Amino acid sequence: MGKLDRKSFDVAVDGLRKKSKLSEITWTKYYELCHWQNVLLHENLLKHNSKLVDGIISETIIIADGIKASKVSTFLDKFGTWDRSLQSFEHLGMNVRFLRAKLQRLKNLISKSEHELYMLMCQKAQMEHARLEEMKALEMKLLELKDALKSSDLVEKLKRKIESHELKFQEELDTS
């Protein structure tokens, strides 16, 4: 097939559209997907009844729109469901391998990001652990200094007591 333009698409799906209950918006979105891949995605589905084909086309559009609009959290929630649905459509003959490949690429990107985030969190935890160890060491030094200060205070008190006793002793000597 050459380049898939709207006119050739409309001619190719005319019979299917006449039996279809899909909206014009859905057909336009479906054309955009077919145009993007330059192929009629449903080509191998035609042996199935029109309701099934409508349902698969509609659900494919919903999934494609969901993928485009998803954020990481919603993507992770929906990935398995989307992939299983697309795999089922593929088994029935719908050409959706490109969407499944896109899902896998996105999942791989998320996995890589999660790994990098995990590594960053490990580095941060190691740095935090080192900081805590350093704080413990500083706390121990502070306690040692406080003990030393108490000892020096005790020595000072003893010196003052000795000096006081020496003064009293001297005074006693001087008075006799």
Protein backbone atom coordinates (compact mmCIF):
# COMPACT_ATOMS: atom_id res chain seq x y z
CA MET A 1 0.00 0.00 0.00
CA GLY A 2 1.26 3.50 -0.82
CA LYS A 3 0.93 6.47 1.49
CA LEU A 4 -2.35 6.15 3.39
CA ASP A 5 -4.23 9.42 2.91
CA ARG A 6 -7.70 10.18 4.22
CA LYS A 7 -9.42 9.60 0.90
CA SER A 8 -7.90 6.15 0.34
CA PHE A 9 -8.63 5.31 3.99
CA ASP A 10 -12.29 6.32 3.60
CA VAL A 11 -12.62 4.21 0.44
CA ALA A 12 -10.94 1.22 2.12
CA VAL A 13 -13.17 1.31 5.22
CA ASP A 14 -16.42 2.37 3.51
CA GLY A 15 -18.05 -1.07 3.77
CA LEU A 16 -16.99 -1.45 7.39
CA ARG A 17 -18.20 2.05 8.28
CA LYS A 18 -21.65 1.39 6.84
CA LYS A 19 -22.09 -1.49 9.32
CA SER A 20 -20.35 0.36 12.14
CA LYS A 21 -21.83 2.18 15.11
CA LEU A 22 -18.58 4.08 15.82
CA SER A 23 -18.68 7.88 15.98
CA GLU A 24 -17.02 10.13 13.43
CA ILE A 25 -14.50 11.18 16.12
CA THR A 26 -13.51 7.54 16.67
CA TRP A 27 -13.10 6.99 12.92
CA THR A 28 -10.94 10.13 12.68
CA LYS A 29 -8.74 8.95 15.55
CA TYR A 30 -8.57 5.50 13.98
CA TYR A 31 -7.52 7.04 10.66
CA GLU A 32 -4.74 8.95 12.48
CA LEU A 33 -3.42 5.69 13.97
CA CYS A 34 -3.58 3.94 10.57
CA HIS A 35 -1.96 6.95 8.88
CA TRP A 36 0.81 6.99 11.50
CA GLN A 37 1.58 3.34 10.71
CA ASN A 38 0.69 3.70 6.99
CA VAL A 39 -1.43 0.56 7.15
CA LEU A 40 -5.04 -0.45 7.80
CA LEU A 41 -4.68 -1.84 11.29
CA HIS A 42 -7.84 -3.94 11.02
CA GLU A 43 -6.94 -5.58 7.67
CA ASN A 44 -6.73 -9.08 9.17
CA LEU A 45 -9.82 -8.58 11.37
CA LEU A 46 -12.36 -8.51 8.55
CA LYS A 47 -13.21 -12.20 8.98
CA HIS A 48 -14.84 -11.31 12.35
CA ASN A 49 -18.29 -9.77 12.78
CA SER A 50 -18.68 -5.99 12.58
CA LYS A 51 -19.57 -5.58 16.28
CA LEU A 52 -16.31 -7.27 17.30
CA VAL A 53 -14.33 -5.15 14.81
CA ASP A 54 -16.05 -1.99 16.14
CA GLY A 55 -15.22 -2.98 19.70
CA ILE A 56 -11.57 -3.70 18.92
CA ILE A 57 -11.14 -0.46 16.95
CA SER A 58 -12.84 1.53 19.70
CA GLU A 59 -10.81 -0.09 22.48
CA THR A 60 -7.58 0.39 20.49
CA ILE A 61 -8.36 4.12 20.24
CA ILE A 62 -9.13 4.29 23.98
CA ILE A 63 -5.83 2.57 24.80
CA ALA A 64 -3.83 4.75 22.37
CA ASP A 65 -5.40 7.89 23.91
CA GLY A 66 -4.76 6.53 27.41
CA ILE A 67 -1.10 5.93 26.61
CA LYS A 68 -0.72 9.47 25.24
CA ALA A 69 -2.41 11.03 28.28
CA SER A 70 -0.85 8.85 30.97
CA LYS A 71 1.47 9.92 33.72
CA VAL A 72 3.94 7.47 35.29
CA SER A 73 1.57 6.43 38.09
CA THR A 74 -1.43 5.87 35.80
CA PHE A 75 0.77 4.14 33.24
CA LEU A 76 1.99 1.68 35.87
CA ASP A 77 -1.60 1.01 36.96
CA LYS A 78 -2.86 0.45 33.41
CA PHE A 79 0.18 -1.15 31.73
CA GLY A 80 -0.81 -4.78 32.36
CA THR A 81 -4.43 -4.29 31.28
CA TRP A 82 -3.47 -2.38 28.15
CA ASP A 83 -0.83 -4.91 27.16
CA ARG A 84 -3.16 -7.91 27.69
CA SER A 85 -5.94 -6.23 25.69
CA LEU A 86 -3.60 -5.33 22.84
CA GLN A 87 -2.15 -8.84 22.87
CA SER A 88 -5.69 -10.26 22.55
CA PHE A 89 -6.46 -7.89 19.67
CA GLU A 90 -3.21 -8.94 18.01
CA HIS A 91 -4.21 -12.61 18.28
CA LEU A 92 -7.51 -11.76 16.59
CA GLY A 93 -5.65 -10.07 13.72
CA MET A 94 -5.49 -6.39 14.68
CA ASN A 95 -2.14 -4.82 13.84
CA VAL A 96 -1.30 -3.25 17.20
CA ARG A 97 2.27 -4.47 17.61
CA PHE A 98 3.48 -0.85 17.39
CA LEU A 99 1.36 0.09 20.43
CA ARG A 100 2.63 -2.90 22.40
CA ALA A 101 6.21 -1.93 21.46
CA LYS A 102 5.52 1.64 22.66
CA LEU A 103 4.16 0.28 25.96
CA GLN A 104 7.31 -1.80 26.41
CA ARG A 105 9.61 1.16 25.63
CA LEU A 106 7.76 3.30 28.18
CA LYS A 107 7.90 0.52 30.77
CA ASN A 108 11.66 0.14 30.16
CA LEU A 109 12.11 3.90 30.64
CA ILE A 110 10.22 3.72 33.92
CA SER A 111 12.26 0.71 35.02
CA LYS A 112 15.48 2.58 34.22
CA SER A 113 14.22 5.64 36.10
CA GLU A 114 13.20 3.50 39.07
CA HIS A 115 16.69 1.93 39.10
CA GLU A 116 18.36 5.35 38.98
CA LEU A 117 16.05 6.59 41.74
CA TYR A 118 16.90 3.52 43.83
CA MET A 119 20.63 4.18 43.34
CA LEU A 120 20.20 7.83 44.33
CA MET A 121 18.25 6.81 47.42
CA CYS A 122 21.03 4.34 48.35
CA GLN A 123 23.66 7.06 47.95
CA LYS A 124 21.58 9.43 50.05
CA ALA A 125 21.14 6.76 52.74
CA GLN A 126 24.89 6.11 52.77
CA MET A 127 25.61 9.83 53.11
CA GLU A 128 23.03 10.11 55.89
CA HIS A 129 24.58 7.12 57.67
CA ALA A 130 28.06 8.67 57.41
CA ARG A 131 26.65 11.96 58.74
CA LEU A 132 25.04 10.16 61.68
CA GLU A 133 28.31 8.34 62.45
CA GLU A 134 30.14 11.67 62.35
CA MET A 135 27.56 13.18 64.69
CA LYS A 136 27.95 10.23 67.09
CA ALA A 137 31.72 10.71 67.08
CA LEU A 138 31.30 14.43 67.77
CA GLU A 139 28.85 13.65 70.55
CA MET A 140 31.38 11.26 72.13
CA LYS A 141 34.11 13.94 71.95
CA LEU A 142 31.74 16.43 73.53
CA LEU A 143 31.03 14.02 76.39
CA GLU A 144 34.77 13.48 76.87
CA LEU A 145 35.33 17.23 76.94
CA LYS A 146 32.52 17.66 79.46
CA ASP A 147 34.10 14.97 81.64
CA ALA A 148 37.48 16.63 81.30
CA LEU A 149 35.91 19.97 82.17
CA LYS A 150 34.30 18.42 85.25
CA SER A 151 37.70 17.01 86.23
CA SER A 152 39.37 20.38 85.75
CA ASP A 153 36.56 22.02 87.77
CA LEU A 154 37.18 19.47 90.54
CA VAL A 155 40.91 20.19 90.44
CA GLU A 156 40.18 23.92 90.63
CA LYS A 157 37.89 23.37 93.61
CA LEU A 158 40.54 21.26 95.31
CA LYS A 159 43.17 23.95 94.63
CA ARG A 160 40.88 26.60 96.13
CA LYS A 161 40.22 24.38 99.18
CA ILE A 162 43.95 23.77 99.63
CA GLU A 163 44.64 27.48 99.26
CA SER A 164 41.88 28.20 101.75
CA HIS A 165 43.32 25.67 104.22
CA GLU A 166 46.82 27.07 103.69
CA LEU A 167 45.48 30.56 104.38
CA LYS A 168 43.76 29.37 107.54
CA PHE A 169 46.92 27.54 108.55
CA GLN A 170 49.01 30.64 107.89
CA GLU A 171 46.55 32.78 109.85
CA GLU A 172 46.75 30.34 112.72
CA LEU A 173 50.55 30.51 112.66
CA ASP A 174 50.49 34.25 112.54
CA THR A 175 48.21 34.58 115.54
CA SER A 176 50.28 32.65 118.00
